[in-house]
Amino acid sequence: MKDDLNNPNRWSYRRAYAEHNYPPGTRVRLVSMPDDPDPVPEGTCGTVLAVDGAGQLLMQWDNGRSLSLLPGVDSFEVLERPQQRNTPKHNRGDAR
């Protein structure tokens, strides 16, 4: 069966994966961008700003560029992930 690039489940999975693994504030170092005609230089570090509907990482690179990363296509390493917020769990009992 042919891989359907327009299958909404594929894009939904990619987006959910990227949102879970690369939340805003994640710091990365680029290893390579093999398919981009004007790539960010290898070794450049940057911060994930958001994830778009196709699962691309919207980036702010330390050199001022804003070219997105494509997980599964571009090679990069995670340097640091933002700390999880520890929010208190609400008591579901009667509040008095």
PDB file of N, CA and C in Angstrom:
ATOM      1  N   MET A   1       0.831  -1.187   0.000  1.00  0.00           N
ATOM      2  CA  MET A   1       0.000   0.000   0.000  1.00  0.00           C
ATOM      3  C   MET A   1       0.875   1.249   0.000  1.00  0.00           C
ATOM      4  N   LYS A   2       0.529   2.186  -0.812  1.00  0.00           N
ATOM      5  CA  LYS A   2       1.297   3.420  -0.953  1.00  0.00           C
ATOM      6  C   LYS A   2       1.182   4.279   0.307  1.00  0.00           C
ATOM      7  N   ASP A   3       2.303   4.884   0.715  1.00  0.00           N
ATOM      8  CA  ASP A   3       2.323   5.782   1.867  1.00  0.00           C
ATOM      9  C   ASP A   3       1.633   7.084   1.464  1.00  0.00           C
ATOM     10  N   ASP A   4       0.519   7.398   2.095  1.00  0.00           N
ATOM     11  CA  ASP A   4      -0.266   8.581   1.748  1.00  0.00           C
ATOM     12  C   ASP A   4       0.233   9.783   2.548  1.00  0.00           C
ATOM     13  N   LEU A   5       0.907  10.710   1.870  1.00  0.00           N
ATOM     14  CA  LEU A   5       1.462  11.880   2.544  1.00  0.00           C
ATOM     15  C   LEU A   5       0.382  12.819   3.061  1.00  0.00           C
ATOM     16  N   ASN A   6      -0.836  12.706   2.523  1.00  0.00           N
ATOM     17  CA  ASN A   6      -1.911  13.581   2.970  1.00  0.00           C
ATOM     18  C   ASN A   6      -2.811  12.931   4.014  1.00  0.00           C
ATOM     19  N   ASN A   7      -2.433  11.776   4.523  1.00  0.00           N
ATOM     20  CA  ASN A   7      -3.209  11.084   5.541  1.00  0.00           C
ATOM     21  C   ASN A   7      -3.202  11.919   6.821  1.00  0.00           C
ATOM     22  N   PRO A   8      -4.383  12.383   7.294  1.00  0.00           N
ATOM     23  CA  PRO A   8      -4.424  13.220   8.495  1.00  0.00           C
ATOM     24  C   PRO A   8      -3.880  12.526   9.734  1.00  0.00           C
ATOM     25  N   ASN A   9      -3.985  11.191   9.810  1.00  0.00           N
ATOM     26  CA  ASN A   9      -3.449  10.482  10.965  1.00  0.00           C
ATOM     27  C   ASN A   9      -1.928  10.591  11.026  1.00  0.00           C
ATOM     28  N   ARG A  10      -1.286  10.589   9.875  1.00  0.00           N
ATOM     29  CA  ARG A  10       0.170  10.717   9.838  1.00  0.00           C
ATOM     30  C   ARG A  10       0.597  12.068  10.409  1.00  0.00           C
ATOM     31  N   TRP A  11      -0.056  13.141   9.979  1.00  0.00           N
ATOM     32  CA  TRP A  11       0.319  14.484  10.432  1.00  0.00           C
ATOM     33  C   TRP A  11      -0.034  14.671  11.902  1.00  0.00           C
ATOM     34  N   SER A  12      -1.149  14.090  12.329  1.00  0.00           N
ATOM     35  CA  SER A  12      -1.549  14.180  13.726  1.00  0.00           C
ATOM     36  C   SER A  12      -0.520  13.484  14.617  1.00  0.00           C
ATOM     37  N   TYR A  13      -0.054  12.309  14.181  1.00  0.00           N
ATOM     38  CA  TYR A  13       0.957  11.576  14.943  1.00  0.00           C
ATOM     39  C   TYR A  13       2.262  12.366  15.010  1.00  0.00           C
ATOM     40  N   ARG A  14       2.704  12.891  13.878  1.00  0.00           N
ATOM     41  CA  ARG A  14       3.960  13.661  13.852  1.00  0.00           C
ATOM     42  C   ARG A  14       3.890  14.866  14.773  1.00  0.00           C
ATOM     43  N   ARG A  15       2.755  15.582  14.731  1.00  0.00           N
ATOM     44  CA  ARG A  15       2.583  16.759  15.582  1.00  0.00           C
ATOM     45  C   ARG A  15       2.599  16.366  17.057  1.00  0.00           C
ATOM     46  N   ALA A  16       1.847  15.317  17.428  1.00  0.00           N
ATOM     47  CA  ALA A  16       1.788  14.881  18.823  1.00  0.00           C
ATOM     48  C   ALA A  16       3.163  14.430  19.313  1.00  0.00           C
ATOM     49  N   TYR A  17       3.894  13.707  18.472  1.00  0.00           N
ATOM     50  CA  TYR A  17       5.239  13.257  18.839  1.00  0.00           C
ATOM     51  C   TYR A  17       6.155  14.453  19.102  1.00  0.00           C
ATOM     52  N   ALA A  18       6.135  15.419  18.183  1.00  0.00           N
ATOM     53  CA  ALA A  18       7.001  16.592  18.329  1.00  0.00           C
ATOM     54  C   ALA A  18       6.619  17.414  19.552  1.00  0.00           C
ATOM     55  N   GLU A  19       5.321  17.602  19.784  1.00  0.00           N
ATOM     56  CA  GLU A  19       4.882  18.378  20.951  1.00  0.00           C
ATOM     57  C   GLU A  19       5.309  17.714  22.252  1.00  0.00           C
ATOM     58  N   HIS A  20       5.254  16.389  22.299  1.00  0.00           N
ATOM     59  CA  HIS A  20       5.630  15.658  23.508  1.00  0.00           C
ATOM     60  C   HIS A  20       7.140  15.683  23.742  1.00  0.00           C
ATOM     61  N   ASN A  21       7.923  15.488  22.685  1.00  0.00           N
ATOM     62  CA  ASN A  21       9.372  15.344  22.824  1.00  0.00           C
ATOM     63  C   ASN A  21      10.152  16.646  22.739  1.00  0.00           C
ATOM     64  N   TYR A  22       9.592  17.658  22.113  1.00  0.00           N
ATOM     65  CA  TYR A  22      10.301  18.928  21.922  1.00  0.00           C
ATOM     66  C   TYR A  22       9.408  20.099  22.298  1.00  0.00           C
ATOM     67  N   PRO A  23       9.044  20.230  23.583  1.00  0.00           N
ATOM     68  CA  PRO A  23       8.170  21.332  23.982  1.00  0.00           C
ATOM     69  C   PRO A  23       8.876  22.681  23.827  1.00  0.00           C
ATOM     70  N   PRO A  24       8.105  23.776  23.755  1.00  0.00           N
ATOM     71  CA  PRO A  24       8.724  25.098  23.686  1.00  0.00           C
ATOM     72  C   PRO A  24       9.742  25.273  24.805  1.00  0.00           C
ATOM     73  N   GLY A  25      10.870  25.858  24.448  1.00  0.00           N
ATOM     74  CA  GLY A  25      11.955  26.052  25.398  1.00  0.00           C
ATOM     75  C   GLY A  25      13.048  25.008  25.292  1.00  0.00           C
ATOM     76  N   THR A  26      12.804  23.924  24.533  1.00  0.00           N
ATOM     77  CA  THR A  26      13.822  22.888  24.343  1.00  0.00           C
ATOM     78  C   THR A  26      14.991  23.489  23.568  1.00  0.00           C
ATOM     79  N   ARG A  27      16.201  23.228  24.051  1.00  0.00           N
ATOM     80  CA  ARG A  27      17.413  23.704  23.378  1.00  0.00           C
ATOM     81  C   ARG A  27      18.011  22.553  22.578  1.00  0.00           C
ATOM     82  N   VAL A  28      18.390  22.839  21.328  1.00  0.00           N
ATOM     83  CA  VAL A  28      18.971  21.824  20.453  1.00  0.00           C
ATOM     84  C   VAL A  28      20.224  22.353  19.773  1.00  0.00           C
ATOM     85  N   ARG A  29      21.044  21.412  19.284  1.00  0.00           N
ATOM     86  CA  ARG A  29      22.217  21.733  18.462  1.00  0.00           C
ATOM     87  C   ARG A  29      22.031  21.013  17.135  1.00  0.00           C
ATOM     88  N   LEU A  30      22.133  21.749  16.050  1.00  0.00           N
ATOM     89  CA  LEU A  30      21.957  21.177  14.721  1.00  0.00           C
ATOM     90  C   LEU A  30      23.164  20.331  14.328  1.00  0.00           C
ATOM     91  N   VAL A  31      22.881  19.130  13.819  1.00  0.00           N
ATOM     92  CA  VAL A  31      23.921  18.270  13.259  1.00  0.00           C
ATOM     93  C   VAL A  31      23.947  18.451  11.747  1.00  0.00           C
ATOM     94  N   SER A  32      22.767  18.353  11.084  1.00  0.00           N
ATOM     95  CA  SER A  32      22.721  18.597   9.635  1.00  0.00           C
ATOM     96  C   SER A  32      21.297  18.830   9.174  1.00  0.00           C
ATOM     97  N   MET A  33      21.184  19.561   8.053  1.00  0.00           N
ATOM     98  CA  MET A  33      19.918  19.807   7.352  1.00  0.00           C
ATOM     99  C   MET A  33      20.150  19.409   5.900  1.00  0.00           C
ATOM    100  N   PRO A  34      20.070  18.113   5.606  1.00  0.00           N
ATOM    101  CA  PRO A  34      20.485  17.637   4.287  1.00  0.00           C
ATOM    102  C   PRO A  34      19.618  18.096   3.119  1.00  0.00           C
ATOM    103  N   ASP A  35      18.344  18.393   3.343  1.00  0.00           N
ATOM    104  CA  ASP A  35      17.458  18.721   2.226  1.00  0.00           C
ATOM    105  C   ASP A  35      17.204  20.210   2.039  1.00  0.00           C
ATOM    106  N   ASP A  36      17.853  21.063   2.821  1.00  0.00           N
ATOM    107  CA  ASP A  36      17.604  22.499   2.709  1.00  0.00           C
ATOM    108  C   ASP A  36      18.669  23.161   1.835  1.00  0.00           C
ATOM    109  N   PRO A  37      18.255  23.985   0.861  1.00  0.00           N
ATOM    110  CA  PRO A  37      19.235  24.638  -0.005  1.00  0.00           C
ATOM    111  C   PRO A  37      20.047  25.727   0.702  1.00  0.00           C
ATOM    112  N   ASP A  38      19.535  26.278   1.793  1.00  0.00           N
ATOM    113  CA  ASP A  38      20.242  27.300   2.562  1.00  0.00           C
ATOM    114  C   ASP A  38      20.136  26.962   4.049  1.00  0.00           C
ATOM    115  N   PRO A  39      20.811  25.871   4.465  1.00  0.00           N
ATOM    116  CA  PRO A  39      20.633  25.387   5.840  1.00  0.00           C
ATOM    117  C   PRO A  39      21.278  26.301   6.875  1.00  0.00           C
ATOM    118  N   VAL A  40      20.815  26.147   8.095  1.00  0.00           N
ATOM    119  CA  VAL A  40      21.480  26.746   9.246  1.00  0.00           C
ATOM    120  C   VAL A  40      22.822  26.025   9.365  1.00  0.00           C
ATOM    121  N   PRO A  41      23.913  26.732   9.676  1.00  0.00           N
ATOM    122  CA  PRO A  41      25.216  26.067   9.785  1.00  0.00           C
ATOM    123  C   PRO A  41      25.224  24.962  10.846  1.00  0.00           C
ATOM    124  N   GLU A  42      25.882  23.864  10.523  1.00  0.00           N
ATOM    125  CA  GLU A  42      26.020  22.749  11.462  1.00  0.00           C
ATOM    126  C   GLU A  42      26.656  23.245  12.752  1.00  0.00           C
ATOM    127  N   GLY A  43      26.169  22.711  13.878  1.00  0.00           N
ATOM    128  CA  GLY A  43      26.695  23.099  15.183  1.00  0.00           C
ATOM    129  C   GLY A  43      25.978  24.283  15.800  1.00  0.00           C
ATOM    130  N   THR A  44      25.095  24.941  15.048  1.00  0.00           N
ATOM    131  CA  THR A  44      24.350  26.080  15.583  1.00  0.00           C
ATOM    132  C   THR A  44      23.337  25.586  16.608  1.00  0.00           C
ATOM    133  N   CYS A  45      23.204  26.312  17.702  1.00  0.00           N
ATOM    134  CA  CYS A  45      22.233  25.978  18.738  1.00  0.00           C
ATOM    135  C   CYS A  45      21.014  26.880  18.587  1.00  0.00           C
ATOM    136  N   GLY A  46      19.884  26.393  19.089  1.00  0.00           N
ATOM    137  CA  GLY A  46      18.666  27.180  19.013  1.00  0.00           C
ATOM    138  C   GLY A  46      17.632  26.679  20.000  1.00  0.00           C
ATOM    139  N   THR A  47      16.510  27.411  20.052  1.00  0.00           N
ATOM    140  CA  THR A  47      15.430  27.136  20.988  1.00  0.00           C
ATOM    141  C   THR A  47      14.141  26.873  20.224  1.00  0.00           C
ATOM    142  N   VAL A  48      13.432  25.816  20.609  1.00  0.00           N
ATOM    143  CA  VAL A  48      12.128  25.512  20.020  1.00  0.00           C
ATOM    144  C   VAL A  48      11.129  26.541  20.541  1.00  0.00           C
ATOM    145  N   LEU A  49      10.428  27.201  19.609  1.00  0.00           N
ATOM    146  CA  LEU A  49       9.389  28.167  19.980  1.00  0.00           C
ATOM    147  C   LEU A  49       8.016  27.507  20.028  1.00  0.00           C
ATOM    148  N   ALA A  50       7.763  26.588  19.072  1.00  0.00           N
ATOM    149  CA  ALA A  50       6.459  25.941  18.962  1.00  0.00           C
ATOM    150  C   ALA A  50       6.573  24.788  17.974  1.00  0.00           C
ATOM    151  N   VAL A  51       5.492  24.027  17.863  1.00  0.00           N
ATOM    152  CA  VAL A  51       5.379  22.945  16.884  1.00  0.00           C
ATOM    153  C   VAL A  51       4.202  23.295  15.991  1.00  0.00           C
ATOM    154  N   ASP A  52       4.390  23.211  14.668  1.00  0.00           N
ATOM    155  CA  ASP A  52       3.285  23.526  13.754  1.00  0.00           C
ATOM    156  C   ASP A  52       2.426  22.295  13.492  1.00  0.00           C
ATOM    157  N   GLY A  53       1.403  22.454  12.676  1.00  0.00           N
ATOM    158  CA  GLY A  53       0.453  21.384  12.409  1.00  0.00           C
ATOM    159  C   GLY A  53       1.041  20.179  11.722  1.00  0.00           C
ATOM    160  N   ALA A  54       2.182  20.320  11.083  1.00  0.00           N
ATOM    161  CA  ALA A  54       2.835  19.205  10.401  1.00  0.00           C
ATOM    162  C   ALA A  54       3.932  18.571  11.254  1.00  0.00           C
ATOM    163  N   GLY A  55       4.088  19.041  12.492  1.00  0.00           N
ATOM    164  CA  GLY A  55       5.104  18.478  13.373  1.00  0.00           C
ATOM    165  C   GLY A  55       6.491  19.068  13.187  1.00  0.00           C
ATOM    166  N   GLN A  56       6.585  20.194  12.483  1.00  0.00           N
ATOM    167  CA  GLN A  56       7.874  20.871  12.336  1.00  0.00           C
ATOM    168  C   GLN A  56       8.149  21.707  13.581  1.00  0.00           C
ATOM    169  N   LEU A  57       9.412  21.798  13.961  1.00  0.00           N
ATOM    170  CA  LEU A  57       9.800  22.604  15.112  1.00  0.00           C
ATOM    171  C   LEU A  57      10.099  24.014  14.641  1.00  0.00           C
ATOM    172  N   LEU A  58       9.313  24.969  15.117  1.00  0.00           N
ATOM    173  CA  LEU A  58       9.541  26.374  14.790  1.00  0.00           C
ATOM    174  C   LEU A  58      10.646  26.861  15.707  1.00  0.00           C
ATOM    175  N   MET A  59      11.745  27.298  15.103  1.00  0.00           N
ATOM    176  CA  MET A  59      12.970  27.553  15.844  1.00  0.00           C
ATOM    177  C   MET A  59      13.366  29.020  15.878  1.00  0.00           C
ATOM    178  N   GLN A  60      14.078  29.385  16.928  1.00  0.00           N
ATOM    179  CA  GLN A  60      14.818  30.638  16.994  1.00  0.00           C
ATOM    180  C   GLN A  60      16.266  30.236  17.196  1.00  0.00           C
ATOM    181  N   TRP A  61      17.049  30.354  16.132  1.00  0.00           N
ATOM    182  CA  TRP A  61      18.455  29.967  16.190  1.00  0.00           C
ATOM    183  C   TRP A  61      19.277  31.080  16.819  1.00  0.00           C
ATOM    184  N   ASP A  62      20.362  30.691  17.497  1.00  0.00           N
ATOM    185  CA  ASP A  62      21.216  31.663  18.175  1.00  0.00           C
ATOM    186  C   ASP A  62      21.889  32.627  17.201  1.00  0.00           C
ATOM    187  N   ASN A  63      21.958  32.264  15.917  1.00  0.00           N
ATOM    188  CA  ASN A  63      22.563  33.157  14.926  1.00  0.00           C
ATOM    189  C   ASN A  63      21.537  34.112  14.309  1.00  0.00           C
ATOM    190  N   GLY A  64      20.292  34.108  14.834  1.00  0.00           N
ATOM    191  CA  GLY A  64      19.267  35.035  14.363  1.00  0.00           C
ATOM    192  C   GLY A  64      18.312  34.453  13.334  1.00  0.00           C
ATOM    193  N   ARG A  65      18.602  33.290  12.798  1.00  0.00           N
ATOM    194  CA  ARG A  65      17.709  32.681  11.807  1.00  0.00           C
ATOM    195  C   ARG A  65      16.500  32.058  12.497  1.00  0.00           C
ATOM    196  N   SER A  66      15.491  31.746  11.688  1.00  0.00           N
ATOM    197  CA  SER A  66      14.277  31.152  12.240  1.00  0.00           C
ATOM    198  C   SER A  66      13.796  29.966  11.415  1.00  0.00           C
ATOM    199  N   LEU A  67      14.683  29.303  10.710  1.00  0.00           N
ATOM    200  CA  LEU A  67      14.349  28.159   9.876  1.00  0.00           C
ATOM    201  C   LEU A  67      13.893  26.977  10.734  1.00  0.00           C
ATOM    202  N   SER A  68      12.772  26.356  10.353  1.00  0.00           N
ATOM    203  CA  SER A  68      12.204  25.234  11.108  1.00  0.00           C
ATOM    204  C   SER A  68      13.051  23.971  10.973  1.00  0.00           C
ATOM    205  N   LEU A  69      12.945  23.112  11.988  1.00  0.00           N
ATOM    206  CA  LEU A  69      13.561  21.787  11.963  1.00  0.00           C
ATOM    207  C   LEU A  69      12.507  20.758  11.609  1.00  0.00           C
ATOM    208  N   LEU A  70      12.901  19.748  10.842  1.00  0.00           N
ATOM    209  CA  LEU A  70      12.007  18.665  10.467  1.00  0.00           C
ATOM    210  C   LEU A  70      12.482  17.383  11.146  1.00  0.00           C
ATOM    211  N   PRO A  71      11.873  17.013  12.296  1.00  0.00           N
ATOM    212  CA  PRO A  71      12.276  15.757  12.943  1.00  0.00           C
ATOM    213  C   PRO A  71      12.107  14.586  11.970  1.00  0.00           C
ATOM    214  N   GLY A  72      13.101  13.718  11.933  1.00  0.00           N
ATOM    215  CA  GLY A  72      13.064  12.587  11.013  1.00  0.00           C
ATOM    216  C   GLY A  72      13.748  12.885   9.697  1.00  0.00           C
ATOM    217  N   VAL A  73      13.988  14.149   9.411  1.00  0.00           N
ATOM    218  CA  VAL A  73      14.705  14.557   8.189  1.00  0.00           C
ATOM    219  C   VAL A  73      16.002  15.232   8.593  1.00  0.00           C
ATOM    220  N   ASP A  74      15.896  16.277   9.416  1.00  0.00           N
ATOM    221  CA  ASP A  74      17.072  16.989   9.907  1.00  0.00           C
ATOM    222  C   ASP A  74      17.641  16.239  11.111  1.00  0.00           C
ATOM    223  N   SER A  75      18.956  16.344  11.272  1.00  0.00           N
ATOM    224  CA  SER A  75      19.624  15.706  12.410  1.00  0.00           C
ATOM    225  C   SER A  75      19.979  16.773  13.438  1.00  0.00           C
ATOM    226  N   PHE A  76      19.624  16.504  14.688  1.00  0.00           N
ATOM    227  CA  PHE A  76      19.925  17.446  15.760  1.00  0.00           C
ATOM    228  C   PHE A  76      19.969  16.688  17.072  1.00  0.00           C
ATOM    229  N   GLU A  77      20.593  17.318  18.066  1.00  0.00           N
ATOM    230  CA  GLU A  77      20.653  16.712  19.394  1.00  0.00           C
ATOM    231  C   GLU A  77      20.014  17.664  20.398  1.00  0.00           C
ATOM    232  N   VAL A  78      19.297  17.094  21.339  1.00  0.00           N
ATOM    233  CA  VAL A  78      18.676  17.883  22.392  1.00  0.00           C
ATOM    234  C   VAL A  78      19.733  18.188  23.443  1.00  0.00           C
ATOM    235  N   LEU A  79      19.866  19.452  23.775  1.00  0.00           N
ATOM    236  CA  LEU A  79      20.807  19.875  24.803  1.00  0.00           C
ATOM    237  C   LEU A  79      20.129  19.992  26.163  1.00  0.00           C
ATOM    238  N   GLU A  80      18.893  20.500  26.138  1.00  0.00           N
ATOM    239  CA  GLU A  80      18.180  20.728  27.387  1.00  0.00           C
ATOM    240  C   GLU A  80      16.686  20.849  27.097  1.00  0.00           C
ATOM    241  N   ARG A  81      15.904  20.258  27.971  1.00  0.00           N
ATOM    242  CA  ARG A  81      14.444  20.391  27.880  1.00  0.00           C
ATOM    243  C   ARG A  81      13.987  21.264  29.038  1.00  0.00           C
ATOM    244  N   PRO A  82      12.912  22.012  28.846  1.00  0.00           N
ATOM    245  CA  PRO A  82      12.418  22.832  29.964  1.00  0.00           C
ATOM    246  C   PRO A  82      11.948  21.939  31.094  1.00  0.00           C
ATOM    247  N   GLN A  83      12.082  22.423  32.308  1.00  0.00           N
ATOM    248  CA  GLN A  83      11.637  21.650  33.467  1.00  0.00           C
ATOM    249  C   GLN A  83      10.119  21.614  33.487  1.00  0.00           C
ATOM    250  N   GLN A  84       9.594  20.468  33.903  1.00  0.00           N
ATOM    251  CA  GLN A  84       8.147  20.328  34.055  1.00  0.00           C
ATOM    252  C   GLN A  84       7.712  21.180  35.241  1.00  0.00           C
ATOM    253  N   ARG A  85       6.579  21.813  35.087  1.00  0.00           N
ATOM    254  CA  ARG A  85       6.025  22.555  36.217  1.00  0.00           C
ATOM    255  C   ARG A  85       5.369  21.564  37.171  1.00  0.00           C
ATOM    256  N   ASN A  86       5.690  21.702  38.424  1.00  0.00           N
ATOM    257  CA  ASN A  86       5.042  20.868  39.433  1.00  0.00           C
ATOM    258  C   ASN A  86       3.827  21.624  39.946  1.00  0.00           C
ATOM    259  N   THR A  87       2.674  21.273  39.424  1.00  0.00           N
ATOM    260  CA  THR A  87       1.454  21.932  39.860  1.00  0.00           C
ATOM    261  C   THR A  87       0.768  21.043  40.881  1.00  0.00           C
ATOM    262  N   PRO A  88       0.273  21.638  41.942  1.00  0.00           N
ATOM    263  CA  PRO A  88      -0.386  20.817  42.961  1.00  0.00           C
ATOM    264  C   PRO A  88      -1.667  20.208  42.408  1.00  0.00           C
ATOM    265  N   LYS A  89      -1.921  18.973  42.814  1.00  0.00           N
ATOM    266  CA  LYS A  89      -3.152  18.315  42.405  1.00  0.00           C
ATOM    267  C   LYS A  89      -4.275  18.816  43.302  1.00  0.00           C
ATOM    268  N   HIS A  90      -5.403  19.090  42.696  1.00  0.00           N
ATOM    269  CA  HIS A  90      -6.547  19.580  43.449  1.00  0.00           C
ATOM    270  C   HIS A  90      -7.246  18.422  44.153  1.00  0.00           C
ATOM    271  N   ASN A  91      -7.659  18.682  45.360  1.00  0.00           N
ATOM    272  CA  ASN A  91      -8.420  17.706  46.108  1.00  0.00           C
ATOM    273  C   ASN A  91      -9.839  17.705  45.547  1.00  0.00           C
ATOM    274  N   ARG A  92     -10.312  16.548  45.138  1.00  0.00           N
ATOM    275  CA  ARG A  92     -11.630  16.460  44.536  1.00  0.00           C
ATOM    276  C   ARG A  92     -12.741  16.381  45.584  1.00  0.00           C
ATOM    277  N   GLY A  93     -12.368  16.366  46.842  1.00  0.00           N
ATOM    278  CA  GLY A  93     -13.364  16.317  47.911  1.00  0.00           C
ATOM    279  C   GLY A  93     -14.011  17.684  48.116  1.00  0.00           C
ATOM    280  N   ASP A  94     -14.870  17.761  49.093  1.00  0.00           N
ATOM    281  CA  ASP A  94     -15.551  19.029  49.400  1.00  0.00           C
ATOM    282  C   ASP A  94     -14.536  20.018  49.961  1.00  0.00           C
ATOM    283  N   ALA A  95     -14.549  21.215  49.406  1.00  0.00           N
ATOM    284  CA  ALA A  95     -13.695  22.283  49.934  1.00  0.00           C
ATOM    285  C   ALA A  95     -14.501  23.046  50.965  1.00  0.00           C
ATOM    286  N   ARG A  96     -13.986  23.146  52.170  1.00  0.00           N
ATOM    287  CA  ARG A  96     -14.705  23.888  53.219  1.00  0.00           C
ATOM    288  C   ARG A  96     -13.796  24.874  53.857  1.00  0.00           C
TER     289      ARG A  96
END
